[in-house]
């Protein structure tokens, strides 16, 4: 059967993308060059399937750079599935906000949010090739505003948050290394598992470990914070303050 050839407009319509998107992907090396008939570029089913594959990977939250590695064979199905699970956090249909939207939603000046982002304290999520902020980020920003409303100085809060961020990054990198060493690498090296089984088990491990780790971290931080506050009040607080502190629960 003779292969069907499509002009760029027809290819874009069949794939559900814009013409300039097709040309952009081609310039990035995500699409092979078309056949040329004079000045006309002609595409075939391979190009259409490739476009659909790129869209499917973007829907998992993968960046174009990562998608390029997947298409070139640099990532196997297990790692592709794990990347999709890592990227696709939160409600998939939730609209992402930019900083201007986040400022309107929270009532926090955009300049202040920009400062928080610059310090690495507000990290956007990536989803379907886009990055932005979610309602969870809005809730976290409002929590920060609550701290300011009690008179805590912004400069001191940013400094403290910056120190926290540095330690969190270090711990997270070590946690990722542990996952890679003790979960991902043994699973991918297991000859009894098919690539599909490796992918399924990797995703299942990530989905179980992420909430477990975040629960442990949140619990430990709250307990240590309350313990230090109690010790401080026992040393310098009045009797009513010590009594009030004893009623606080994490």
Protein backbone atom coordinates (compact mmCIF):
# COMPACT_ATOMS: atom_id res chain seq x y z
CA UNK A 1 0.00 0.00 0.00
CA UNK A 2 1.33 3.39 -0.96
CA UNK A 3 2.18 5.65 1.95
CA UNK A 4 -0.08 8.66 2.49
CA UNK A 5 1.77 11.96 2.42
CA UNK A 6 0.59 15.05 4.24
CA UNK A 7 1.39 18.71 3.98
CA UNK A 8 2.36 20.41 7.20
CA UNK A 9 -1.14 21.86 7.68
CA UNK A 10 -2.69 18.41 7.24
CA UNK A 11 -0.17 16.82 9.61
CA UNK A 12 -0.83 19.45 12.28
CA UNK A 13 -4.60 18.99 11.99
CA UNK A 14 -4.32 15.18 12.20
CA UNK A 15 -2.11 15.41 15.30
CA UNK A 16 -4.16 18.16 16.96
CA UNK A 17 -1.31 20.67 17.16
CA UNK A 18 -0.47 24.00 15.54
CA UNK A 19 1.61 24.30 12.40
CA UNK A 20 4.26 26.32 14.23
CA UNK A 21 4.42 23.53 16.83
CA UNK A 22 5.28 21.03 14.09
CA UNK A 23 8.03 23.31 12.82
CA UNK A 24 9.32 23.94 16.33
CA UNK A 25 9.54 20.21 17.09
CA UNK A 26 11.31 19.67 13.78
CA UNK A 27 13.84 22.40 14.61
CA UNK A 28 14.43 20.74 18.00
CA UNK A 29 15.09 17.38 16.35
CA UNK A 30 11.94 15.75 17.73
CA UNK A 31 10.67 15.09 14.21
CA UNK A 32 12.71 13.68 11.31
CA UNK A 33 12.99 15.91 8.22
CA UNK A 34 10.10 15.67 5.75
CA UNK A 35 10.42 14.65 2.13
CA UNK A 36 10.76 17.63 -0.16
CA UNK A 37 8.85 17.98 -3.40
CA UNK A 38 10.19 21.26 -4.67
CA UNK A 39 9.33 23.81 -2.00
CA UNK A 40 6.62 21.63 -0.44
CA UNK A 41 7.37 19.58 2.69
CA UNK A 42 5.61 16.22 2.77
CA UNK A 43 5.12 14.13 5.92
CA UNK A 44 3.90 10.57 6.40
CA UNK A 45 2.53 8.23 9.07
CA UNK A 46 5.88 8.09 10.86
CA UNK A 47 5.74 11.83 11.50
CA UNK A 48 2.14 11.61 12.69
CA UNK A 49 2.93 8.77 15.09
CA UNK A 50 5.96 10.69 16.38
CA UNK A 51 3.84 13.78 17.04
CA UNK A 52 1.28 11.73 18.93
CA UNK A 53 4.07 10.17 20.96
CA UNK A 54 5.46 13.60 21.89
CA UNK A 55 1.99 14.77 22.96
CA UNK A 56 1.49 11.65 25.10
CA UNK A 57 4.84 12.15 26.82
CA UNK A 58 4.13 15.84 27.38
CA UNK A 59 0.82 14.88 28.99
CA UNK A 60 2.87 12.92 31.54
CA UNK A 61 4.67 16.14 32.45
CA UNK A 62 7.96 15.38 30.69
CA UNK A 63 10.02 18.24 29.31
CA UNK A 64 11.03 18.33 25.65
CA UNK A 65 14.64 17.58 26.62
CA UNK A 66 13.56 14.42 28.43
CA UNK A 67 11.19 13.50 25.60
CA UNK A 68 14.13 13.74 23.19
CA UNK A 69 16.01 11.19 25.32
CA UNK A 70 12.99 8.88 25.36
CA UNK A 71 12.57 9.06 21.59
CA UNK A 72 16.29 8.50 21.02
CA UNK A 73 16.29 5.43 23.26
CA UNK A 74 18.24 7.08 26.07
CA UNK A 75 15.54 6.17 28.60
CA UNK A 76 14.01 2.73 28.83
CA UNK A 77 10.30 2.08 29.58
CA UNK A 78 10.94 1.69 33.32
CA UNK A 79 12.59 5.07 33.69
CA UNK A 80 10.03 6.65 31.37
CA UNK A 81 7.22 5.41 33.61
CA UNK A 82 9.03 6.60 36.73
CA UNK A 83 9.61 10.04 35.24
CA UNK A 84 5.94 10.25 34.39
CA UNK A 85 4.98 9.36 37.96
CA UNK A 86 7.41 11.89 39.40
CA UNK A 87 6.20 14.65 37.09
CA UNK A 88 2.48 13.96 37.30
CA UNK A 89 1.81 15.05 40.87
CA UNK A 90 -1.43 16.71 41.90
CA UNK A 91 -4.71 16.91 40.05
CA UNK A 92 -3.99 16.45 36.32
CA UNK A 93 -6.87 18.72 35.32
CA UNK A 94 -5.91 21.51 37.71
CA UNK A 95 -5.10 24.75 35.89
CA UNK A 96 -1.59 25.97 36.56
CA UNK A 97 -1.15 29.57 37.65
CA UNK A 98 1.66 31.94 36.78
CA UNK A 99 3.04 34.30 39.43
CA UNK A 100 0.59 37.03 38.47
CA UNK A 101 -2.32 34.63 38.95
CA UNK A 102 -0.84 33.40 42.23
CA UNK A 103 -0.50 36.97 43.49
CA UNK A 104 -4.17 37.66 42.71
CA UNK A 105 -5.26 34.41 44.33
CA UNK A 106 -3.35 35.01 47.56
CA UNK A 107 -3.28 38.80 47.85
CA UNK A 108 0.52 38.68 48.12
CA UNK A 109 2.43 41.23 46.01
CA UNK A 110 3.95 39.66 42.93
CA UNK A 111 7.33 41.24 43.74
CA UNK A 112 7.37 39.39 47.06
CA UNK A 113 6.49 36.11 45.36
CA UNK A 114 9.31 36.70 42.86
CA UNK A 115 11.73 37.12 45.77
CA UNK A 116 10.51 33.86 47.29
CA UNK A 117 10.93 32.06 43.95
CA UNK A 118 14.42 33.53 43.51
CA UNK A 119 15.39 32.07 46.89
CA UNK A 120 14.23 28.63 45.74
CA UNK A 121 11.46 28.58 48.33
CA UNK A 122 8.59 28.35 45.86
CA UNK A 123 9.21 25.70 43.21
CA UNK A 124 6.86 25.48 40.19
CA UNK A 125 5.52 22.16 39.00
CA UNK A 126 5.91 20.96 35.43
CA UNK A 127 2.96 19.40 33.70
CA UNK A 128 2.28 18.71 30.03
CA UNK A 129 5.27 20.76 28.97
CA UNK A 130 4.24 23.78 31.06
CA UNK A 131 5.32 25.04 34.46
CA UNK A 132 3.31 26.95 37.03
CA UNK A 133 1.78 26.94 40.48
CA UNK A 134 -1.12 25.08 42.02
CA UNK A 135 -3.65 25.67 44.77
CA UNK A 136 -1.24 23.91 47.13
CA UNK A 137 1.30 26.64 46.37
CA UNK A 138 -1.36 29.25 47.08
CA UNK A 139 -2.06 27.61 50.45
CA UNK A 140 1.66 27.57 51.27
CA UNK A 141 1.98 31.24 50.28
CA UNK A 142 -0.96 32.15 52.53
CA UNK A 143 0.73 30.28 55.38
CA UNK A 144 3.78 32.47 54.87
CA UNK A 145 1.56 35.53 54.96
CA UNK A 146 0.20 34.34 58.31
CA UNK A 147 3.72 34.41 59.74
CA UNK A 148 4.16 37.99 58.60
CA UNK A 149 0.81 39.00 60.10
CA UNK A 150 2.13 38.13 63.57
CA UNK A 151 5.02 40.56 63.19
CA UNK A 152 7.82 38.20 62.19
CA UNK A 153 10.26 40.22 60.03
CA UNK A 154 10.35 39.31 56.34
CA UNK A 155 14.15 39.43 56.10
CA UNK A 156 14.53 37.03 59.02
CA UNK A 157 11.90 34.67 57.63
CA UNK A 158 13.56 34.61 54.20
CA UNK A 159 16.92 33.95 55.81
CA UNK A 160 15.55 31.11 57.91
CA UNK A 161 13.69 29.68 54.92
CA UNK A 162 16.86 29.88 52.84
CA UNK A 163 18.80 27.87 55.40
CA UNK A 164 15.95 25.34 55.52
CA UNK A 165 15.97 25.09 51.73
CA UNK A 166 19.69 24.36 51.60
CA UNK A 167 19.35 21.51 54.07
CA UNK A 168 16.23 20.15 52.36
CA UNK A 169 17.96 20.08 48.97
CA UNK A 170 20.89 18.17 50.47
CA UNK A 171 18.60 15.66 52.18
CA UNK A 172 16.42 15.21 49.09
CA UNK A 173 19.43 14.54 46.89
CA UNK A 174 20.56 11.87 49.34
CA UNK A 175 17.06 10.40 49.47
CA UNK A 176 16.95 10.21 45.66
CA UNK A 177 20.36 8.53 45.66
CA UNK A 178 19.12 5.96 48.19
CA UNK A 179 16.04 5.24 46.07
CA UNK A 180 18.21 4.85 43.00
CA UNK A 181 20.68 2.55 44.74
CA UNK A 182 18.31 0.32 46.69
CA UNK A 183 15.07 0.36 44.67
CA UNK A 184 15.51 1.47 41.06
CA UNK A 185 18.83 -0.21 40.22
CA UNK A 186 17.93 -3.66 41.65
CA UNK A 187 14.56 -3.63 39.89
CA UNK A 188 16.03 -2.67 36.53
CA UNK A 189 18.72 -5.34 36.92
CA UNK A 190 16.27 -8.14 37.75
CA UNK A 191 16.27 -10.48 34.69
CA UNK A 192 13.07 -12.16 35.83
CA UNK A 193 11.05 -8.97 35.30
CA UNK A 194 9.83 -7.74 31.95
CA UNK A 195 10.28 -4.03 31.13
CA UNK A 196 6.58 -3.54 31.82
CA UNK A 197 6.87 -5.22 35.24
CA UNK A 198 9.94 -3.13 36.06
CA UNK A 199 8.05 0.04 35.17
CA UNK A 200 5.00 -0.98 37.19
CA UNK A 201 7.03 -1.84 40.29
CA UNK A 202 9.11 1.34 40.08
CA UNK A 203 6.00 3.50 39.91
CA UNK A 204 4.36 1.55 42.74
CA UNK A 205 7.48 2.01 44.91
CA UNK A 206 7.57 5.73 44.23
CA UNK A 207 3.85 6.14 44.90
CA UNK A 208 4.24 4.36 48.27
CA UNK A 209 7.48 6.00 49.35
CA UNK A 210 6.63 9.63 48.57
CA UNK A 211 3.72 9.99 51.04
CA UNK A 212 5.61 7.91 53.61
CA UNK A 213 8.64 10.17 53.45
CA UNK A 214 6.65 13.42 53.49
CA UNK A 215 4.61 12.19 56.49
CA UNK A 216 7.78 11.30 58.38
CA UNK A 217 9.40 14.66 57.61
CA UNK A 218 6.33 16.71 58.55
CA UNK A 219 5.83 14.71 61.77
CA UNK A 220 9.46 15.04 62.81
CA UNK A 221 9.60 18.78 62.10
CA UNK A 222 6.42 19.47 64.07
CA UNK A 223 7.58 17.39 67.04
CA UNK A 224 11.03 19.00 67.16
CA UNK A 225 9.59 22.50 66.79
CA UNK A 226 7.14 21.95 69.65
CA UNK A 227 9.82 20.38 71.80
CA UNK A 228 12.14 23.37 71.32
CA UNK A 229 9.32 25.82 71.95
CA UNK A 230 8.37 24.00 75.16
CA UNK A 231 11.96 23.95 76.39
CA UNK A 232 12.29 27.66 75.66
CA UNK A 233 9.07 28.55 77.52
CA UNK A 234 10.03 26.35 80.46
CA UNK A 235 13.21 28.41 80.74
CA UNK A 236 11.87 31.93 80.20
CA UNK A 237 8.05 31.79 80.10
CA UNK A 238 5.49 32.76 82.68
CA UNK A 239 3.21 30.21 84.33
CA UNK A 240 0.26 30.99 81.97
CA UNK A 241 2.56 30.71 78.95
CA UNK A 242 3.87 27.33 80.10
CA UNK A 243 0.32 26.11 80.71
CA UNK A 244 -0.80 27.27 77.26
CA UNK A 245 2.19 25.61 75.62
CA UNK A 246 1.32 22.32 77.28
CA UNK A 247 -2.06 22.30 75.54
CA UNK A 248 -0.58 22.62 72.02
CA UNK A 249 -0.60 19.41 69.96
CA UNK A 250 1.08 18.80 66.58
